[in-house]
PDB file of N, CA and C in Angstrom:
ATOM      1  N   MET A   1      23.476 -84.573  22.398  1.00  0.00           N
ATOM      2  CA  MET A   1      23.042 -85.143  21.137  1.00  0.00           C
ATOM      3  C   MET A   1      22.141 -84.159  20.394  1.00  0.00           C
ATOM      4  N   LEU A   2      21.202 -83.548  21.087  1.00  0.00           N
ATOM      5  CA  LEU A   2      20.295 -82.599  20.454  1.00  0.00           C
ATOM      6  C   LEU A   2      21.054 -81.373  19.962  1.00  0.00           C
ATOM      7  N   ALA A   3      22.019 -80.914  20.756  1.00  0.00           N
ATOM      8  CA  ALA A   3      22.790 -79.729  20.362  1.00  0.00           C
ATOM      9  C   ALA A   3      23.591 -79.998  19.093  1.00  0.00           C
ATOM     10  N   SER A   4      24.159 -81.192  18.981  1.00  0.00           N
ATOM     11  CA  SER A   4      24.930 -81.495  17.770  1.00  0.00           C
ATOM     12  C   SER A   4      24.017 -81.565  16.545  1.00  0.00           C
ATOM     13  N   ARG A   5      22.791 -82.033  16.711  1.00  0.00           N
ATOM     14  CA  ARG A   5      21.832 -82.058  15.595  1.00  0.00           C
ATOM     15  C   ARG A   5      21.455 -80.645  15.169  1.00  0.00           C
ATOM     16  N   VAL A   6      21.262 -79.772  16.141  1.00  0.00           N
ATOM     17  CA  VAL A   6      20.903 -78.383  15.844  1.00  0.00           C
ATOM     18  C   VAL A   6      22.044 -77.701  15.104  1.00  0.00           C
ATOM     19  N   ILE A   7      23.282 -77.902  15.567  1.00  0.00           N
ATOM     20  CA  ILE A   7      24.436 -77.293  14.915  1.00  0.00           C
ATOM     21  C   ILE A   7      24.584 -77.832  13.500  1.00  0.00           C
ATOM     22  N   TYR A   8      24.421 -79.142  13.320  1.00  0.00           N
ATOM     23  CA  TYR A   8      24.521 -79.751  11.992  1.00  0.00           C
ATOM     24  C   TYR A   8      23.431 -79.201  11.067  1.00  0.00           C
ATOM     25  N   ALA A   9      22.209 -79.091  11.564  1.00  0.00           N
ATOM     26  CA  ALA A   9      21.106 -78.564  10.754  1.00  0.00           C
ATOM     27  C   ALA A   9      21.346 -77.105  10.398  1.00  0.00           C
ATOM     28  N   ALA A  10      21.913 -76.347  11.311  1.00  0.00           N
ATOM     29  CA  ALA A  10      22.193 -74.939  11.032  1.00  0.00           C
ATOM     30  C   ALA A  10      23.273 -74.806   9.963  1.00  0.00           C
ATOM     31  N   ARG A  11      24.296 -75.662  10.024  1.00  0.00           N
ATOM     32  CA  ARG A  11      25.346 -75.625   9.010  1.00  0.00           C
ATOM     33  C   ARG A  11      24.807 -76.016   7.650  1.00  0.00           C
ATOM     34  N   GLN A  12      23.936 -76.986   7.621  1.00  0.00           N
ATOM     35  CA  GLN A  12      23.352 -77.427   6.363  1.00  0.00           C
ATOM     36  C   GLN A  12      22.455 -76.343   5.769  1.00  0.00           C
ATOM     37  N   GLY A  13      21.842 -75.527   6.579  1.00  0.00           N
ATOM     38  CA  GLY A  13      20.921 -74.517   6.097  1.00  0.00           C
ATOM     39  C   GLY A  13      21.569 -73.251   5.575  1.00  0.00           C
ATOM     40  N   TRP A  14      22.836 -72.985   5.916  1.00  0.00           N
ATOM     41  CA  TRP A  14      23.484 -71.741   5.512  1.00  0.00           C
ATOM     42  C   TRP A  14      23.608 -71.579   4.005  1.00  0.00           C
ATOM     43  N   PRO A  15      24.035 -72.599   3.268  1.00  0.00           N
ATOM     44  CA  PRO A  15      24.133 -72.393   1.812  1.00  0.00           C
ATOM     45  C   PRO A  15      22.790 -72.044   1.172  1.00  0.00           C
ATOM     46  N   GLN A  16      21.715 -72.667   1.619  1.00  0.00           N
ATOM     47  CA  GLN A  16      20.400 -72.355   1.062  1.00  0.00           C
ATOM     48  C   GLN A  16      19.978 -70.942   1.446  1.00  0.00           C
ATOM     49  N   ARG A  17      20.240 -70.545   2.661  1.00  0.00           N
ATOM     50  CA  ARG A  17      19.879 -69.193   3.097  1.00  0.00           C
ATOM     51  C   ARG A  17      20.675 -68.144   2.339  1.00  0.00           C
ATOM     52  N   ARG A  18      21.961 -68.429   2.147  1.00  0.00           N
ATOM     53  CA  ARG A  18      22.803 -67.480   1.422  1.00  0.00           C
ATOM     54  C   ARG A  18      22.330 -67.342  -0.028  1.00  0.00           C
ATOM     55  N   GLU A  19      21.977 -68.461  -0.647  1.00  0.00           N
ATOM     56  CA  GLU A  19      21.487 -68.408  -2.024  1.00  0.00           C
ATOM     57  C   GLU A  19      20.148 -67.691  -2.109  1.00  0.00           C
ATOM     58  N   ARG A  20      19.262 -67.950  -1.156  1.00  0.00           N
ATOM     59  CA  ARG A  20      17.971 -67.265  -1.153  1.00  0.00           C
ATOM     60  C   ARG A  20      18.142 -65.763  -0.970  1.00  0.00           C
ATOM     61  N   ALA A  21      19.085 -65.362  -0.111  1.00  0.00           N
ATOM     62  CA  ALA A  21      19.338 -63.938   0.100  1.00  0.00           C
ATOM     63  C   ALA A  21      19.898 -63.299  -1.170  1.00  0.00           C
ATOM     64  N   ALA A  22      20.803 -63.994  -1.842  1.00  0.00           N
ATOM     65  CA  ALA A  22      21.360 -63.466  -3.087  1.00  0.00           C
ATOM     66  C   ALA A  22      20.283 -63.356  -4.162  1.00  0.00           C
ATOM     67  N   MET A  23      19.405 -64.336  -4.264  1.00  0.00           N
ATOM     68  CA  MET A  23      18.326 -64.284  -5.246  1.00  0.00           C
ATOM     69  C   MET A  23      17.343 -63.162  -4.911  1.00  0.00           C
ATOM     70  N   TRP A  24      17.052 -62.988  -3.642  1.00  0.00           N
ATOM     71  CA  TRP A  24      16.154 -61.899  -3.244  1.00  0.00           C
ATOM     72  C   TRP A  24      16.753 -60.562  -3.661  1.00  0.00           C
ATOM     73  N   LEU A  25      18.043 -60.394  -3.386  1.00  0.00           N
ATOM     74  CA  LEU A  25      18.713 -59.152  -3.745  1.00  0.00           C
ATOM     75  C   LEU A  25      18.710 -58.951  -5.261  1.00  0.00           C
ATOM     76  N   ALA A  26      18.996 -60.006  -6.017  1.00  0.00           N
ATOM     77  CA  ALA A  26      19.026 -59.887  -7.476  1.00  0.00           C
ATOM     78  C   ALA A  26      17.666 -59.486  -8.034  1.00  0.00           C
ATOM     79  N   TRP A  27      16.596 -60.051  -7.490  1.00  0.00           N
ATOM     80  CA  TRP A  27      15.259 -59.725  -8.002  1.00  0.00           C
ATOM     81  C   TRP A  27      14.781 -58.346  -7.565  1.00  0.00           C
ATOM     82  N   HIS A  28      15.384 -57.774  -6.542  1.00  0.00           N
ATOM     83  CA  HIS A  28      14.960 -56.461  -6.070  1.00  0.00           C
ATOM     84  C   HIS A  28      15.884 -55.323  -6.508  1.00  0.00           C
ATOM     85  N   LEU A  29      16.919 -55.646  -7.278  1.00  0.00           N
ATOM     86  CA  LEU A  29      17.775 -54.594  -7.821  1.00  0.00           C
ATOM     87  C   LEU A  29      17.003 -53.784  -8.857  1.00  0.00           C
ATOM     88  N   PRO A  30      17.325 -52.522  -8.997  1.00  0.00           N
ATOM     89  CA  PRO A  30      16.718 -51.758 -10.086  1.00  0.00           C
ATOM     90  C   PRO A  30      17.099 -52.373 -11.435  1.00  0.00           C
ATOM     91  N   ARG A  31      16.182 -52.337 -12.372  1.00  0.00           N
ATOM     92  CA  ARG A  31      16.405 -52.968 -13.673  1.00  0.00           C
ATOM     93  C   ARG A  31      17.624 -52.379 -14.379  1.00  0.00           C
ATOM     94  N   TRP A  32      17.825 -51.070 -14.269  1.00  0.00           N
ATOM     95  CA  TRP A  32      18.960 -50.456 -14.951  1.00  0.00           C
ATOM     96  C   TRP A  32      20.283 -50.964 -14.396  1.00  0.00           C
ATOM     97  N   LEU A  33      20.336 -51.243 -13.085  1.00  0.00           N
ATOM     98  CA  LEU A  33      21.571 -51.736 -12.473  1.00  0.00           C
ATOM     99  C   LEU A  33      21.863 -53.169 -12.905  1.00  0.00           C
ATOM    100  N   ALA A  34      20.832 -54.003 -12.958  1.00  0.00           N
ATOM    101  CA  ALA A  34      21.018 -55.382 -13.422  1.00  0.00           C
ATOM    102  C   ALA A  34      21.477 -55.402 -14.877  1.00  0.00           C
ATOM    103  N   ALA A  35      20.899 -54.554 -15.703  1.00  0.00           N
ATOM    104  CA  ALA A  35      21.296 -54.485 -17.112  1.00  0.00           C
ATOM    105  C   ALA A  35      22.735 -53.989 -17.240  1.00  0.00           C
ATOM    106  N   TRP A  36      23.123 -53.003 -16.438  1.00  0.00           N
ATOM    107  CA  TRP A  36      24.492 -52.493 -16.483  1.00  0.00           C
ATOM    108  C   TRP A  36      25.481 -53.595 -16.086  1.00  0.00           C
ATOM    109  N   CYS A  37      25.147 -54.374 -15.053  1.00  0.00           N
ATOM    110  CA  CYS A  37      26.020 -55.477 -14.621  1.00  0.00           C
ATOM    111  C   CYS A  37      26.177 -56.507 -15.726  1.00  0.00           C
ATOM    112  N   PHE A  38      25.085 -56.816 -16.417  1.00  0.00           N
ATOM    113  CA  PHE A  38      25.133 -57.768 -17.523  1.00  0.00           C
ATOM    114  C   PHE A  38      26.052 -57.265 -18.629  1.00  0.00           C
ATOM    115  N   VAL A  39      25.905 -56.004 -19.003  1.00  0.00           N
ATOM    116  CA  VAL A  39      26.731 -55.430 -20.059  1.00  0.00           C
ATOM    117  C   VAL A  39      28.192 -55.397 -19.628  1.00  0.00           C
ATOM    118  N   ARG A  40      28.445 -55.096 -18.373  1.00  0.00           N
ATOM    119  CA  ARG A  40      29.823 -55.032 -17.863  1.00  0.00           C
ATOM    120  C   ARG A  40      30.511 -56.387 -17.942  1.00  0.00           C
ATOM    121  N   VAL A  41      29.808 -57.452 -17.552  1.00  0.00           N
ATOM    122  CA  VAL A  41      30.383 -58.799 -17.617  1.00  0.00           C
ATOM    123  C   VAL A  41      30.606 -59.209 -19.070  1.00  0.00           C
ATOM    124  N   ALA A  42      29.640 -58.932 -19.940  1.00  0.00           N
ATOM    125  CA  ALA A  42      29.785 -59.274 -21.360  1.00  0.00           C
ATOM    126  C   ALA A  42      30.942 -58.498 -21.995  1.00  0.00           C
ATOM    127  N   ALA A  43      31.095 -57.230 -21.653  1.00  0.00           N
ATOM    128  CA  ALA A  43      32.194 -56.433 -22.203  1.00  0.00           C
ATOM    129  C   ALA A  43      33.542 -56.967 -21.718  1.00  0.00           C
ATOM    130  N   HIS A  44      33.609 -57.371 -20.472  1.00  0.00           N
ATOM    131  CA  HIS A  44      34.848 -57.933 -19.935  1.00  0.00           C
ATOM    132  C   HIS A  44      35.220 -59.221 -20.668  1.00  0.00           C
ATOM    133  N   GLY A  45      34.204 -60.011 -21.024  1.00  0.00           N
ATOM    134  CA  GLY A  45      34.445 -61.285 -21.703  1.00  0.00           C
ATOM    135  C   GLY A  45      34.855 -61.161 -23.155  1.00  0.00           C
ATOM    136  N   THR A  46      34.820 -59.957 -23.710  1.00  0.00           N
ATOM    137  CA  THR A  46      35.188 -59.781 -25.117  1.00  0.00           C
ATOM    138  C   THR A  46      36.291 -58.742 -25.295  1.00  0.00           C
ATOM    139  N   THR A  47      37.029 -58.417 -24.247  1.00  0.00           N
ATOM    140  CA  THR A  47      38.125 -57.457 -24.357  1.00  0.00           C
ATOM    141  C   THR A  47      39.410 -58.065 -23.819  1.00  0.00           C
ATOM    142  N   GLY A  48      40.504 -57.397 -24.049  1.00  0.00           N
ATOM    143  CA  GLY A  48      41.791 -57.845 -23.527  1.00  0.00           C
ATOM    144  C   GLY A  48      42.224 -59.156 -24.145  1.00  0.00           C
ATOM    145  N   GLU A  49      42.479 -60.117 -23.322  1.00  0.00           N
ATOM    146  CA  GLU A  49      42.962 -61.427 -23.764  1.00  0.00           C
ATOM    147  C   GLU A  49      41.959 -62.133 -24.694  1.00  0.00           C
ATOM    148  N   TRP A  50      40.680 -61.794 -24.568  1.00  0.00           N
ATOM    149  CA  TRP A  50      39.625 -62.425 -25.367  1.00  0.00           C
ATOM    150  C   TRP A  50      39.080 -61.470 -26.421  1.00  0.00           C
ATOM    151  N   SER A  51      39.893 -60.557 -26.898  1.00  0.00           N
ATOM    152  CA  SER A  51      39.404 -59.528 -27.821  1.00  0.00           C
ATOM    153  C   SER A  51      38.953 -60.091 -29.165  1.00  0.00           C
ATOM    154  N   GLY A  52      39.341 -61.302 -29.499  1.00  0.00           N
ATOM    155  CA  GLY A  52      38.918 -61.908 -30.758  1.00  0.00           C
ATOM    156  C   GLY A  52      37.541 -62.549 -30.682  1.00  0.00           C
ATOM    157  N   THR A  53      36.918 -62.547 -29.507  1.00  0.00           N
ATOM    158  CA  THR A  53      35.616 -63.174 -29.326  1.00  0.00           C
ATOM    159  C   THR A  53      34.506 -62.274 -29.871  1.00  0.00           C
ATOM    160  N   VAL A  54      33.631 -62.860 -30.663  1.00  0.00           N
ATOM    161  CA  VAL A  54      32.473 -62.124 -31.160  1.00  0.00           C
ATOM    162  C   VAL A  54      31.431 -62.105 -30.045  1.00  0.00           C
ATOM    163  N   PRO A  55      30.921 -60.947 -29.654  1.00  0.00           N
ATOM    164  CA  PRO A  55      29.964 -60.891 -28.542  1.00  0.00           C
ATOM    165  C   PRO A  55      28.733 -61.783 -28.728  1.00  0.00           C
ATOM    166  N   ALA A  56      28.279 -61.945 -29.954  1.00  0.00           N
ATOM    167  CA  ALA A  56      27.100 -62.782 -30.199  1.00  0.00           C
ATOM    168  C   ALA A  56      27.379 -64.258 -29.944  1.00  0.00           C
ATOM    169  N   HIS A  57      28.653 -64.653 -29.950  1.00  0.00           N
ATOM    170  CA  HIS A  57      29.013 -66.062 -29.736  1.00  0.00           C
ATOM    171  C   HIS A  57      29.445 -66.365 -28.304  1.00  0.00           C
ATOM    172  N   LEU A  58      29.396 -65.383 -27.443  1.00  0.00           N
ATOM    173  CA  LEU A  58      29.794 -65.566 -26.040  1.00  0.00           C
ATOM    174  C   LEU A  58      28.575 -65.960 -25.213  1.00  0.00           C
ATOM    175  N   ASP A  59      28.597 -67.175 -24.642  1.00  0.00           N
ATOM    176  CA  ASP A  59      27.464 -67.571 -23.807  1.00  0.00           C
ATOM    177  C   ASP A  59      27.677 -67.105 -22.366  1.00  0.00           C
ATOM    178  N   VAL A  60      26.621 -67.154 -21.607  1.00  0.00           N
ATOM    179  CA  VAL A  60      26.622 -66.580 -20.252  1.00  0.00           C
ATOM    180  C   VAL A  60      27.638 -67.266 -19.344  1.00  0.00           C
ATOM    181  N   ILE A  61      27.685 -68.585 -19.377  1.00  0.00           N
ATOM    182  CA  ILE A  61      28.604 -69.321 -18.493  1.00  0.00           C
ATOM    183  C   ILE A  61      30.057 -68.965 -18.802  1.00  0.00           C
ATOM    184  N   GLU A  62      30.394 -68.889 -20.079  1.00  0.00           N
ATOM    185  CA  GLU A  62      31.763 -68.535 -20.448  1.00  0.00           C
ATOM    186  C   GLU A  62      32.089 -67.107 -20.026  1.00  0.00           C
ATOM    187  N   ALA A  63      31.141 -66.185 -20.153  1.00  0.00           N
ATOM    188  CA  ALA A  63      31.369 -64.808 -19.704  1.00  0.00           C
ATOM    189  C   ALA A  63      31.615 -64.764 -18.200  1.00  0.00           C
ATOM    190  N   LEU A  64      30.846 -65.550 -17.442  1.00  0.00           N
ATOM    191  CA  LEU A  64      31.051 -65.594 -15.990  1.00  0.00           C
ATOM    192  C   LEU A  64      32.387 -66.224 -15.628  1.00  0.00           C
ATOM    193  N   ARG A  65      32.810 -67.240 -16.371  1.00  0.00           N
ATOM    194  CA  ARG A  65      34.127 -67.840 -16.125  1.00  0.00           C
ATOM    195  C   ARG A  65      35.234 -66.822 -16.354  1.00  0.00           C
ATOM    196  N   ARG A  66      35.099 -66.069 -17.425  1.00  0.00           N
ATOM    197  CA  ARG A  66      36.116 -65.059 -17.722  1.00  0.00           C
ATOM    198  C   ARG A  66      36.106 -63.947 -16.682  1.00  0.00           C
ATOM    199  N   TRP A  67      34.950 -63.569 -16.206  1.00  0.00           N
ATOM    200  CA  TRP A  67      34.834 -62.530 -15.188  1.00  0.00           C
ATOM    201  C   TRP A  67      35.452 -62.987 -13.875  1.00  0.00           C
ATOM    202  N   ASP A  68      35.143 -64.218 -13.494  1.00  0.00           N
ATOM    203  CA  ASP A  68      35.586 -64.747 -12.211  1.00  0.00           C
ATOM    204  C   ASP A  68      37.071 -65.129 -12.231  1.00  0.00           C
ATOM    205  N   GLY A  69      37.574 -65.487 -13.387  1.00  0.00           N
ATOM    206  CA  GLY A  69      38.981 -65.844 -13.484  1.00  0.00           C
ATOM    207  C   GLY A  69      39.284 -67.276 -13.092  1.00  0.00           C
ATOM    208  N   ARG A  70      38.284 -68.082 -12.874  1.00  0.00           N
ATOM    209  CA  ARG A  70      38.496 -69.494 -12.553  1.00  0.00           C
ATOM    210  C   ARG A  70      37.346 -70.305 -13.124  1.00  0.00           C
ATOM    211  N   ARG A  71      37.489 -71.595 -13.089  1.00  0.00           N
ATOM    212  CA  ARG A  71      36.468 -72.474 -13.640  1.00  0.00           C
ATOM    213  C   ARG A  71      35.274 -72.528 -12.689  1.00  0.00           C
ATOM    214  N   ILE A  72      34.073 -72.408 -13.247  1.00  0.00           N
ATOM    215  CA  ILE A  72      32.860 -72.495 -12.425  1.00  0.00           C
ATOM    216  C   ILE A  72      32.360 -73.915 -12.476  1.00  0.00           C
TER     217      ILE A  72
END
């Protein structure tokens, strides 16, 4: 019984740990790299199939959807 609780608690904790690790990494990236990634995603969201999109009208969520290729 105790082992199953430990396994269940460990499974429940993985998504939070993974998110915390990703946030730690994002906050410790060099500023120039984070800015380059932002520009790269925004440029992807306004080229090719979406070339008619005005960059000023592209919000962050839509840019990420276009980058990822699926609905977030």
